[in-house]
Amino acid sequence: MLQNIGVTGIIMILVLVLILFGPSRLPELGRAVGRTLFEFKSSARELVGDSKEDEDSTKKID
C-alpha cells in the first residue's frame, strides 16, 4: 500500500498533519502514536505467546 503513495504523497500527508495539528502539538501526537504502537505490539506478543503455550501444553498431554 505504501509503495503506491510515493515520496510526494508522504510529504503532502506530513504537511497536512502539520497544518491540522500545528508544530506545538506534533511532539505530543508523536508520543501518543508511539505509546499506542508499543501497547499494540506488546499485546500481540502476549497473544502469540499465549497461543504457543497452549500448543505446547496440548502436545505434552498427547
N, C-alpha and C. Protein backbone atom coordinates (compact mmCIF):
# COMPACT_ATOMS: atom_id res chain seq x y z
N MET A 1 0.82 -1.19 0.00
CA MET A 1 0.00 0.00 0.00
C MET A 1 0.87 1.26 0.00
N LEU A 2 1.89 1.29 0.83
CA LEU A 2 2.75 2.46 0.88
C LEU A 2 3.58 2.61 -0.39
N GLN A 3 3.73 1.55 -1.13
CA GLN A 3 4.50 1.63 -2.37
C GLN A 3 3.82 2.54 -3.38
N ASN A 4 2.51 2.59 -3.34
CA ASN A 4 1.76 3.39 -4.30
C ASN A 4 1.70 4.87 -3.93
N ILE A 5 1.98 5.21 -2.69
CA ILE A 5 1.88 6.60 -2.26
C ILE A 5 3.02 7.43 -2.83
N GLY A 6 4.22 6.99 -2.68
CA GLY A 6 5.38 7.72 -3.19
C GLY A 6 5.84 8.81 -2.23
N VAL A 7 6.97 9.38 -2.56
CA VAL A 7 7.58 10.41 -1.71
C VAL A 7 6.72 11.67 -1.69
N THR A 8 6.19 12.06 -2.82
CA THR A 8 5.36 13.27 -2.88
C THR A 8 4.12 13.13 -2.01
N GLY A 9 3.50 11.96 -2.05
CA GLY A 9 2.31 11.72 -1.24
C GLY A 9 2.61 11.78 0.25
N ILE A 10 3.75 11.20 0.64
CA ILE A 10 4.14 11.22 2.06
C ILE A 10 4.40 12.66 2.51
N ILE A 11 5.06 13.44 1.68
CA ILE A 11 5.32 14.85 2.02
C ILE A 11 4.01 15.61 2.16
N MET A 12 3.07 15.36 1.26
CA MET A 12 1.76 16.04 1.34
C MET A 12 1.03 15.66 2.62
N ILE A 13 1.09 14.40 3.01
CA ILE A 13 0.44 13.95 4.25
C ILE A 13 1.09 14.63 5.45
N LEU A 14 2.43 14.70 5.47
CA LEU A 14 3.12 15.36 6.58
C LEU A 14 2.78 16.84 6.68
N VAL A 15 2.69 17.51 5.54
CA VAL A 15 2.32 18.93 5.54
C VAL A 15 0.89 19.10 6.05
N LEU A 16 -0.01 18.22 5.63
CA LEU A 16 -1.39 18.28 6.09
C LEU A 16 -1.48 18.09 7.61
N VAL A 17 -0.73 17.12 8.13
CA VAL A 17 -0.70 16.89 9.58
C VAL A 17 -0.15 18.12 10.30
N LEU A 18 0.89 18.71 9.75
CA LEU A 18 1.47 19.91 10.35
C LEU A 18 0.46 21.06 10.38
N ILE A 19 -0.29 21.21 9.30
CA ILE A 19 -1.30 22.28 9.24
C ILE A 19 -2.43 22.01 10.23
N LEU A 20 -2.89 20.75 10.30
CA LEU A 20 -4.02 20.41 11.17
C LEU A 20 -3.68 20.53 12.66
N PHE A 21 -2.52 20.02 13.03
CA PHE A 21 -2.19 19.95 14.46
C PHE A 21 -1.26 21.06 14.93
N GLY A 22 -0.53 21.67 14.05
CA GLY A 22 0.39 22.74 14.44
C GLY A 22 1.68 22.18 15.00
N PRO A 23 2.74 22.97 14.92
CA PRO A 23 4.05 22.49 15.37
C PRO A 23 4.14 22.23 16.88
N SER A 24 3.32 22.90 17.66
CA SER A 24 3.40 22.71 19.11
C SER A 24 2.79 21.38 19.56
N ARG A 25 1.85 20.85 18.81
CA ARG A 25 1.19 19.60 19.20
C ARG A 25 1.82 18.37 18.57
N LEU A 26 2.73 18.54 17.62
CA LEU A 26 3.34 17.39 16.95
C LEU A 26 4.11 16.47 17.90
N PRO A 27 4.93 16.97 18.82
CA PRO A 27 5.61 16.05 19.74
C PRO A 27 4.63 15.25 20.59
N GLU A 28 3.57 15.88 21.05
CA GLU A 28 2.54 15.19 21.84
C GLU A 28 1.86 14.10 21.00
N LEU A 29 1.56 14.43 19.77
CA LEU A 29 0.94 13.47 18.86
C LEU A 29 1.87 12.30 18.58
N GLY A 30 3.15 12.59 18.38
CA GLY A 30 4.14 11.53 18.14
C GLY A 30 4.27 10.60 19.33
N ARG A 31 4.28 11.15 20.53
CA ARG A 31 4.36 10.31 21.74
C ARG A 31 3.13 9.42 21.86
N ALA A 32 1.97 9.98 21.58
CA ALA A 32 0.73 9.20 21.67
C ALA A 32 0.73 8.05 20.66
N VAL A 33 1.18 8.32 19.45
CA VAL A 33 1.25 7.28 18.42
C VAL A 33 2.26 6.22 18.83
N GLY A 34 3.40 6.65 19.35
CA GLY A 34 4.43 5.71 19.80
C GLY A 34 3.94 4.82 20.92
N ARG A 35 3.26 5.40 21.91
CA ARG A 35 2.72 4.59 23.02
C ARG A 35 1.68 3.60 22.52
N THR A 36 0.84 4.04 21.59
CA THR A 36 -0.18 3.15 21.05
C THR A 36 0.44 1.98 20.31
N LEU A 37 1.45 2.24 19.49
CA LEU A 37 2.12 1.17 18.77
C LEU A 37 2.82 0.21 19.73
N PHE A 38 3.46 0.75 20.77
CA PHE A 38 4.13 -0.09 21.76
C PHE A 38 3.14 -1.01 22.46
N GLU A 39 2.01 -0.47 22.88
CA GLU A 39 1.00 -1.28 23.55
C GLU A 39 0.41 -2.32 22.61
N PHE A 40 0.20 -1.96 21.35
CA PHE A 40 -0.32 -2.91 20.38
C PHE A 40 0.66 -4.06 20.17
N LYS A 41 1.94 -3.75 20.01
CA LYS A 41 2.95 -4.79 19.81
C LYS A 41 3.06 -5.68 21.05
N SER A 42 3.01 -5.08 22.23
CA SER A 42 3.08 -5.87 23.46
C SER A 42 1.90 -6.82 23.57
N SER A 43 0.72 -6.33 23.25
CA SER A 43 -0.47 -7.18 23.29
C SER A 43 -0.39 -8.30 22.26
N ALA A 44 0.11 -7.98 21.08
CA ALA A 44 0.24 -9.00 20.04
C ALA A 44 1.24 -10.07 20.46
N ARG A 45 2.36 -9.67 21.04
CA ARG A 45 3.35 -10.65 21.52
C ARG A 45 2.75 -11.52 22.62
N GLU A 46 2.00 -10.91 23.50
CA GLU A 46 1.37 -11.65 24.59
C GLU A 46 0.39 -12.68 24.05
N LEU A 47 -0.41 -12.28 23.06
CA LEU A 47 -1.37 -13.22 22.47
C LEU A 47 -0.67 -14.36 21.75
N VAL A 48 0.40 -14.04 21.02
CA VAL A 48 1.15 -15.09 20.32
C VAL A 48 1.81 -16.01 21.33
N GLY A 49 2.35 -15.44 22.39
CA GLY A 49 2.98 -16.25 23.44
C GLY A 49 1.97 -17.17 24.11
N ASP A 50 0.78 -16.66 24.37
CA ASP A 50 -0.26 -17.48 24.99
C ASP A 50 -0.67 -18.62 24.09
N SER A 51 -0.80 -18.36 22.80
CA SER A 51 -1.22 -19.42 21.88
C SER A 51 -0.12 -20.47 21.74
N LYS A 52 1.16 -20.06 21.77
CA LYS A 52 2.24 -21.03 21.71
C LYS A 52 2.28 -21.88 22.96
N GLU A 53 2.03 -21.27 24.13
CA GLU A 53 2.00 -22.03 25.38
C GLU A 53 0.85 -23.04 25.35
N ASP A 54 -0.29 -22.64 24.80
CA ASP A 54 -1.43 -23.56 24.70
C ASP A 54 -1.08 -24.74 23.80
N GLU A 55 -0.39 -24.48 22.68
CA GLU A 55 0.01 -25.55 21.77
C GLU A 55 0.98 -26.49 22.46
N ASP A 56 1.94 -25.93 23.20
CA ASP A 56 2.92 -26.75 23.91
C ASP A 56 2.25 -27.63 24.95
N SER A 57 1.29 -27.07 25.68
CA SER A 57 0.64 -27.85 26.73
C SER A 57 -0.23 -28.95 26.14
N THR A 58 -0.86 -28.71 25.00
CA THR A 58 -1.67 -29.77 24.38
C THR A 58 -0.77 -30.85 23.78
N LYS A 59 0.40 -30.52 23.30
CA LYS A 59 1.33 -31.52 22.76
C LYS A 59 1.86 -32.40 23.88
N LYS A 60 2.10 -31.84 25.06
CA LYS A 60 2.61 -32.61 26.18
C LYS A 60 1.58 -33.60 26.70
N ILE A 61 0.31 -33.21 26.61
CA ILE A 61 -0.76 -34.08 27.08
C ILE A 61 -0.90 -35.29 26.16
N ASP A 62 -0.74 -35.08 24.85
CA ASP A 62 -0.87 -36.18 23.88
C ASP A 62 0.27 -37.10 24.08
